[in-house]
Amino acid sequence: MVDAAVGGRPQTAAEVIDALRSVKDPEVPVIDVVELGIVRGATVEGGRVTVSVTPTYSGCPATQVIEREIRRALVARGFEEVVVNTVLFPAWTTDWIAPEGREKLRVYGIAPPGPAAELELVQLGRPAKAVPCPWCGSSNTTRESEFGSTACKSIHSCHSCHQPFEHFKPL
């Protein structure tokens, strides 16, 4: 627990990662960077902390904001130096989203992704696999657009409850 740290500063990698639960994804603010699965690890050496992060994809516009917020959160916890390393291999996958993060996405109205192993290439002339509605659970849904508010989400509509929703694409 972070409260047990000397002088209020986290002393272990686990305490640093726990402190990062305060850093929310700027595009989906109900999920933190730990639940999103982009925090790969941390090391603590005195007043210096190094955090390794894998962006959801190389062009993600939130990457710089997330890095800045990680630095801000850890400086506020007493670190003099915060280094954020970007790790690109292995590439992030939606399989890294924690179960509690998936549930938060669903409650927020975004259908969480299925396993990345179910990822299908776009087939012309073939209907896309139905995505369950996060509001009512019905699979009587239609993809309206391959791209939603961000490139990692698509727009769907539910024919049962008549609600539109986004789906976090499996990667």
C-alpha atoms as a PDB file:
ATOM      1  CA  MET A   1       0.000   0.000   0.000  1.00  0.00           C
ATOM      2  CA  VAL A   2       1.333   3.442  -0.879  1.00  0.00           C
ATOM      3  CA  ASP A   3       0.504   4.894   2.559  1.00  0.00           C
ATOM      4  CA  ALA A   4       3.158   2.675   4.109  1.00  0.00           C
ATOM      5  CA  ALA A   5       5.892   4.203   1.941  1.00  0.00           C
ATOM      6  CA  VAL A   6       8.593   6.235   3.638  1.00  0.00           C
ATOM      7  CA  GLY A   7       7.729   9.934   3.452  1.00  0.00           C
ATOM      8  CA  GLY A   8       4.609   9.107   1.415  1.00  0.00           C
ATOM      9  CA  ARG A   9       6.693   8.151  -1.633  1.00  0.00           C
ATOM     10  CA  PRO A  10       6.126   4.672  -3.091  1.00  0.00           C
ATOM     11  CA  GLN A  11       9.082   2.397  -2.363  1.00  0.00           C
ATOM     12  CA  THR A  12       8.349  -0.598  -4.590  1.00  0.00           C
ATOM     13  CA  ALA A  13       7.295  -1.183  -8.181  1.00  0.00           C
ATOM     14  CA  ALA A  14       3.938  -2.510  -6.945  1.00  0.00           C
ATOM     15  CA  GLU A  15       3.337   0.702  -4.971  1.00  0.00           C
ATOM     16  CA  VAL A  16       4.214   2.812  -8.035  1.00  0.00           C
ATOM     17  CA  ILE A  17       1.789   0.837 -10.180  1.00  0.00           C
ATOM     18  CA  ASP A  18      -0.872   1.226  -7.503  1.00  0.00           C
ATOM     19  CA  ALA A  19      -0.257   5.008  -7.518  1.00  0.00           C
ATOM     20  CA  LEU A  20      -0.748   5.033 -11.303  1.00  0.00           C
ATOM     21  CA  ARG A  21      -4.360   3.938 -10.828  1.00  0.00           C
ATOM     22  CA  SER A  22      -5.060   7.658 -10.414  1.00  0.00           C
ATOM     23  CA  VAL A  23      -4.043   8.279 -14.048  1.00  0.00           C
ATOM     24  CA  LYS A  24      -7.106   7.937 -16.274  1.00  0.00           C
ATOM     25  CA  ASP A  25      -7.214   7.319 -20.001  1.00  0.00           C
ATOM     26  CA  PRO A  26      -8.019  10.798 -21.419  1.00  0.00           C
ATOM     27  CA  GLU A  27     -10.242   9.301 -24.126  1.00  0.00           C
ATOM     28  CA  VAL A  28     -12.169   6.957 -21.794  1.00  0.00           C
ATOM     29  CA  PRO A  29     -11.859   8.523 -18.322  1.00  0.00           C
ATOM     30  CA  VAL A  30     -13.570   5.672 -16.454  1.00  0.00           C
ATOM     31  CA  ILE A  31     -10.571   3.392 -16.934  1.00  0.00           C
ATOM     32  CA  ASP A  32      -7.082   3.951 -15.580  1.00  0.00           C
ATOM     33  CA  VAL A  33      -3.800   3.221 -17.348  1.00  0.00           C
ATOM     34  CA  VAL A  34      -3.193   0.116 -15.217  1.00  0.00           C
ATOM     35  CA  GLU A  35      -6.625  -1.367 -16.033  1.00  0.00           C
ATOM     36  CA  LEU A  36      -6.058  -0.485 -19.694  1.00  0.00           C
ATOM     37  CA  GLY A  37      -2.946  -2.658 -19.572  1.00  0.00           C
ATOM     38  CA  ILE A  38      -0.500  -0.129 -20.976  1.00  0.00           C
ATOM     39  CA  VAL A  39       1.716   0.039 -17.856  1.00  0.00           C
ATOM     40  CA  ARG A  40       4.295  -2.695 -18.362  1.00  0.00           C
ATOM     41  CA  GLY A  41       6.317  -2.196 -15.210  1.00  0.00           C
ATOM     42  CA  ALA A  42       8.165   0.167 -12.919  1.00  0.00           C
ATOM     43  CA  THR A  43      11.461   0.404 -11.069  1.00  0.00           C
ATOM     44  CA  VAL A  44      12.315   2.559  -8.073  1.00  0.00           C
ATOM     45  CA  GLU A  45      15.846   3.785  -7.290  1.00  0.00           C
ATOM     46  CA  GLY A  46      15.770   6.327  -4.468  1.00  0.00           C
ATOM     47  CA  GLY A  47      14.129   9.497  -5.761  1.00  0.00           C
ATOM     48  CA  ARG A  48      14.002   8.202  -9.347  1.00  0.00           C
ATOM     49  CA  VAL A  49      11.209   6.075 -10.807  1.00  0.00           C
ATOM     50  CA  THR A  50      11.120   4.559 -14.278  1.00  0.00           C
ATOM     51  CA  VAL A  51       7.805   3.464 -15.749  1.00  0.00           C
ATOM     52  CA  SER A  52       7.516   1.384 -18.923  1.00  0.00           C
ATOM     53  CA  VAL A  53       4.428   2.006 -21.037  1.00  0.00           C
ATOM     54  CA  THR A  54       3.181   0.421 -24.261  1.00  0.00           C
ATOM     55  CA  PRO A  55       0.790   2.674 -26.204  1.00  0.00           C
ATOM     56  CA  THR A  56      -2.423   1.119 -27.470  1.00  0.00           C
ATOM     57  CA  TYR A  57      -1.190   1.844 -30.976  1.00  0.00           C
ATOM     58  CA  SER A  58       1.661   3.893 -32.408  1.00  0.00           C
ATOM     59  CA  GLY A  59      -0.564   6.742 -33.597  1.00  0.00           C
ATOM     60  CA  CYS A  60      -2.616   7.086 -30.419  1.00  0.00           C
ATOM     61  CA  PRO A  61      -3.165  10.807 -29.834  1.00  0.00           C
ATOM     62  CA  ALA A  62      -3.448  10.276 -26.058  1.00  0.00           C
ATOM     63  CA  THR A  63       0.092   8.900 -25.615  1.00  0.00           C
ATOM     64  CA  GLN A  64       1.749  12.224 -24.755  1.00  0.00           C
ATOM     65  CA  VAL A  65      -1.083  13.205 -22.408  1.00  0.00           C
ATOM     66  CA  ILE A  66      -0.813   9.873 -20.593  1.00  0.00           C
ATOM     67  CA  GLU A  67       2.963  10.214 -20.224  1.00  0.00           C
ATOM     68  CA  ARG A  68       2.565  13.746 -18.853  1.00  0.00           C
ATOM     69  CA  GLU A  69      -0.085  12.589 -16.356  1.00  0.00           C
ATOM     70  CA  ILE A  70       2.111   9.667 -15.227  1.00  0.00           C
ATOM     71  CA  ARG A  71       4.945  12.117 -14.540  1.00  0.00           C
ATOM     72  CA  ARG A  72       2.594  14.505 -12.735  1.00  0.00           C
ATOM     73  CA  ALA A  73       1.134  11.739 -10.529  1.00  0.00           C
ATOM     74  CA  LEU A  74       4.551  10.433  -9.492  1.00  0.00           C
ATOM     75  CA  VAL A  75       6.117  13.849  -8.878  1.00  0.00           C
ATOM     76  CA  ALA A  76       3.115  14.550  -6.627  1.00  0.00           C
ATOM     77  CA  ARG A  77       4.025  11.321  -4.757  1.00  0.00           C
ATOM     78  CA  GLY A  78       7.510  12.639  -4.001  1.00  0.00           C
ATOM     79  CA  PHE A  79       9.743  11.495  -6.833  1.00  0.00           C
ATOM     80  CA  GLU A  80      12.351  14.010  -7.987  1.00  0.00           C
ATOM     81  CA  GLU A  81      12.877  12.261 -11.308  1.00  0.00           C
ATOM     82  CA  VAL A  82      10.291  10.370 -13.374  1.00  0.00           C
ATOM     83  CA  VAL A  83      11.301   8.585 -16.561  1.00  0.00           C
ATOM     84  CA  VAL A  84       8.641   7.148 -18.856  1.00  0.00           C
ATOM     85  CA  ASN A  85       9.969   4.602 -21.351  1.00  0.00           C
ATOM     86  CA  THR A  86       7.899   3.666 -24.372  1.00  0.00           C
ATOM     87  CA  VAL A  87       8.049  -0.061 -25.077  1.00  0.00           C
ATOM     88  CA  LEU A  88       6.757  -1.080 -28.503  1.00  0.00           C
ATOM     89  CA  PHE A  89       7.459  -4.815 -28.402  1.00  0.00           C
ATOM     90  CA  PRO A  90       5.482  -6.821 -27.867  1.00  0.00           C
ATOM     91  CA  ALA A  91       2.728  -4.611 -29.208  1.00  0.00           C
ATOM     92  CA  TRP A  92      -0.177  -3.838 -26.878  1.00  0.00           C
ATOM     93  CA  THR A  93      -3.230  -6.023 -27.285  1.00  0.00           C
ATOM     94  CA  THR A  94      -6.752  -5.601 -25.971  1.00  0.00           C
ATOM     95  CA  ASP A  95      -6.163  -8.899 -24.149  1.00  0.00           C
ATOM     96  CA  TRP A  96      -4.153  -6.807 -21.653  1.00  0.00           C
ATOM     97  CA  ILE A  97      -7.238  -4.880 -20.503  1.00  0.00           C
ATOM     98  CA  ALA A  98      -7.961  -6.045 -16.945  1.00  0.00           C
ATOM     99  CA  PRO A  99     -11.356  -7.639 -16.216  1.00  0.00           C
ATOM    100  CA  GLU A 100     -12.339  -4.668 -14.031  1.00  0.00           C
ATOM    101  CA  GLY A 101     -11.442  -2.355 -16.923  1.00  0.00           C
ATOM    102  CA  ARG A 102     -13.626  -4.343 -19.317  1.00  0.00           C
ATOM    103  CA  GLU A 103     -16.548  -4.049 -16.927  1.00  0.00           C
ATOM    104  CA  LYS A 104     -15.980  -0.296 -16.526  1.00  0.00           C
ATOM    105  CA  LEU A 105     -16.032   0.071 -20.330  1.00  0.00           C
ATOM    106  CA  ARG A 106     -19.326  -1.827 -20.512  1.00  0.00           C
ATOM    107  CA  VAL A 107     -20.960   0.242 -17.746  1.00  0.00           C
ATOM    108  CA  TYR A 108     -19.720   3.421 -19.471  1.00  0.00           C
ATOM    109  CA  GLY A 109     -21.514   2.301 -22.644  1.00  0.00           C
ATOM    110  CA  ILE A 110     -18.581   0.975 -24.667  1.00  0.00           C
ATOM    111  CA  ALA A 111     -18.750  -2.678 -25.651  1.00  0.00           C
ATOM    112  CA  PRO A 112     -15.483  -4.216 -24.455  1.00  0.00           C
ATOM    113  CA  PRO A 113     -13.395  -6.120 -26.992  1.00  0.00           C
ATOM    114  CA  GLY A 114     -13.478  -9.867 -27.280  1.00  0.00           C
ATOM    115  CA  PRO A 115     -10.249 -11.872 -27.264  1.00  0.00           C
ATOM    116  CA  ALA A 116      -7.710 -10.698 -29.819  1.00  0.00           C
ATOM    117  CA  ALA A 117      -7.626 -14.276 -31.147  1.00  0.00           C
ATOM    118  CA  GLU A 118     -11.147 -13.600 -32.479  1.00  0.00           C
ATOM    119  CA  LEU A 119      -9.871 -10.685 -34.550  1.00  0.00           C
ATOM    120  CA  GLU A 120     -11.177 -11.008 -38.065  1.00  0.00           C
ATOM    121  CA  LEU A 121      -9.891  -9.258 -41.131  1.00  0.00           C
ATOM    122  CA  VAL A 122     -12.527  -7.176 -42.876  1.00  0.00           C
ATOM    123  CA  GLN A 123     -14.227  -9.421 -45.404  1.00  0.00           C
ATOM    124  CA  LEU A 124     -15.974  -7.686 -48.273  1.00  0.00           C
ATOM    125  CA  GLY A 125     -19.546  -8.854 -48.752  1.00  0.00           C
ATOM    126  CA  ARG A 126     -19.584 -10.708 -45.445  1.00  0.00           C
ATOM    127  CA  PRO A 127     -21.477  -9.402 -42.412  1.00  0.00           C
ATOM    128  CA  ALA A 128     -19.412  -8.496 -39.369  1.00  0.00           C
ATOM    129  CA  LYS A 129     -19.774 -10.543 -36.197  1.00  0.00           C
ATOM    130  CA  ALA A 130     -22.450  -9.066 -33.902  1.00  0.00           C
ATOM    131  CA  VAL A 131     -21.202  -7.159 -30.867  1.00  0.00           C
ATOM    132  CA  PRO A 132     -23.368  -7.441 -27.712  1.00  0.00           C
ATOM    133  CA  CYS A 133     -24.965  -4.163 -26.650  1.00  0.00           C
ATOM    134  CA  PRO A 134     -23.390  -2.816 -23.437  1.00  0.00           C
ATOM    135  CA  TRP A 135     -26.764  -1.378 -22.384  1.00  0.00           C
ATOM    136  CA  CYS A 136     -29.118  -4.369 -22.746  1.00  0.00           C
ATOM    137  CA  GLY A 137     -26.863  -7.299 -23.700  1.00  0.00           C
ATOM    138  CA  SER A 138     -28.660  -8.033 -26.975  1.00  0.00           C
ATOM    139  CA  SER A 139     -26.643  -9.338 -29.918  1.00  0.00           C
ATOM    140  CA  ASN A 140     -29.208  -7.853 -32.293  1.00  0.00           C
ATOM    141  CA  THR A 141     -26.768  -5.080 -33.233  1.00  0.00           C
ATOM    142  CA  THR A 142     -25.318  -3.578 -36.380  1.00  0.00           C
ATOM    143  CA  ARG A 143     -21.982  -1.893 -37.012  1.00  0.00           C
ATOM    144  CA  GLU A 144     -22.756   1.545 -38.443  1.00  0.00           C
ATOM    145  CA  SER A 145     -19.175   2.737 -38.923  1.00  0.00           C
ATOM    146  CA  GLU A 146     -15.777   1.059 -38.699  1.00  0.00           C
ATOM    147  CA  PHE A 147     -14.436   4.144 -36.908  1.00  0.00           C
ATOM    148  CA  GLY A 148     -15.914   5.875 -33.864  1.00  0.00           C
ATOM    149  CA  SER A 149     -14.671   8.820 -31.837  1.00  0.00           C
ATOM    150  CA  THR A 150     -11.182   7.325 -32.071  1.00  0.00           C
ATOM    151  CA  ALA A 151      -9.631   4.849 -34.503  1.00  0.00           C
ATOM    152  CA  CYS A 152      -9.661   2.123 -31.828  1.00  0.00           C
ATOM    153  CA  LYS A 153     -13.471   2.159 -31.558  1.00  0.00           C
ATOM    154  CA  SER A 154     -16.315   1.455 -34.003  1.00  0.00           C
ATOM    155  CA  ILE A 155     -19.917   2.702 -33.881  1.00  0.00           C
ATOM    156  CA  HIS A 156     -22.818   0.259 -33.498  1.00  0.00           C
ATOM    157  CA  SER A 157     -26.542   0.426 -32.926  1.00  0.00           C
ATOM    158  CA  CYS A 158     -28.793  -1.926 -30.985  1.00  0.00           C
ATOM    159  CA  HIS A 159     -32.066  -2.984 -32.572  1.00  0.00           C
ATOM    160  CA  SER A 160     -33.474  -4.172 -29.229  1.00  0.00           C
ATOM    161  CA  CYS A 161     -33.034  -1.097 -27.008  1.00  0.00           C
ATOM    162  CA  HIS A 162     -32.419   1.342 -29.906  1.00  0.00           C
ATOM    163  CA  GLN A 163     -29.272   2.770 -28.303  1.00  0.00           C
ATOM    164  CA  PRO A 164     -26.109   3.647 -30.219  1.00  0.00           C
ATOM    165  CA  PHE A 165     -22.821   2.540 -28.683  1.00  0.00           C
ATOM    166  CA  GLU A 166     -19.129   2.275 -29.389  1.00  0.00           C
ATOM    167  CA  HIS A 167     -17.157  -0.957 -29.446  1.00  0.00           C
ATOM    168  CA  PHE A 168     -13.506  -1.073 -28.397  1.00  0.00           C
ATOM    169  CA  LYS A 169     -11.990  -3.067 -31.270  1.00  0.00           C
ATOM    170  CA  PRO A 170      -9.954  -6.150 -30.419  1.00  0.00           C
ATOM    171  CA  LEU A 171      -6.281  -5.734 -31.370  1.00  0.00           C
END
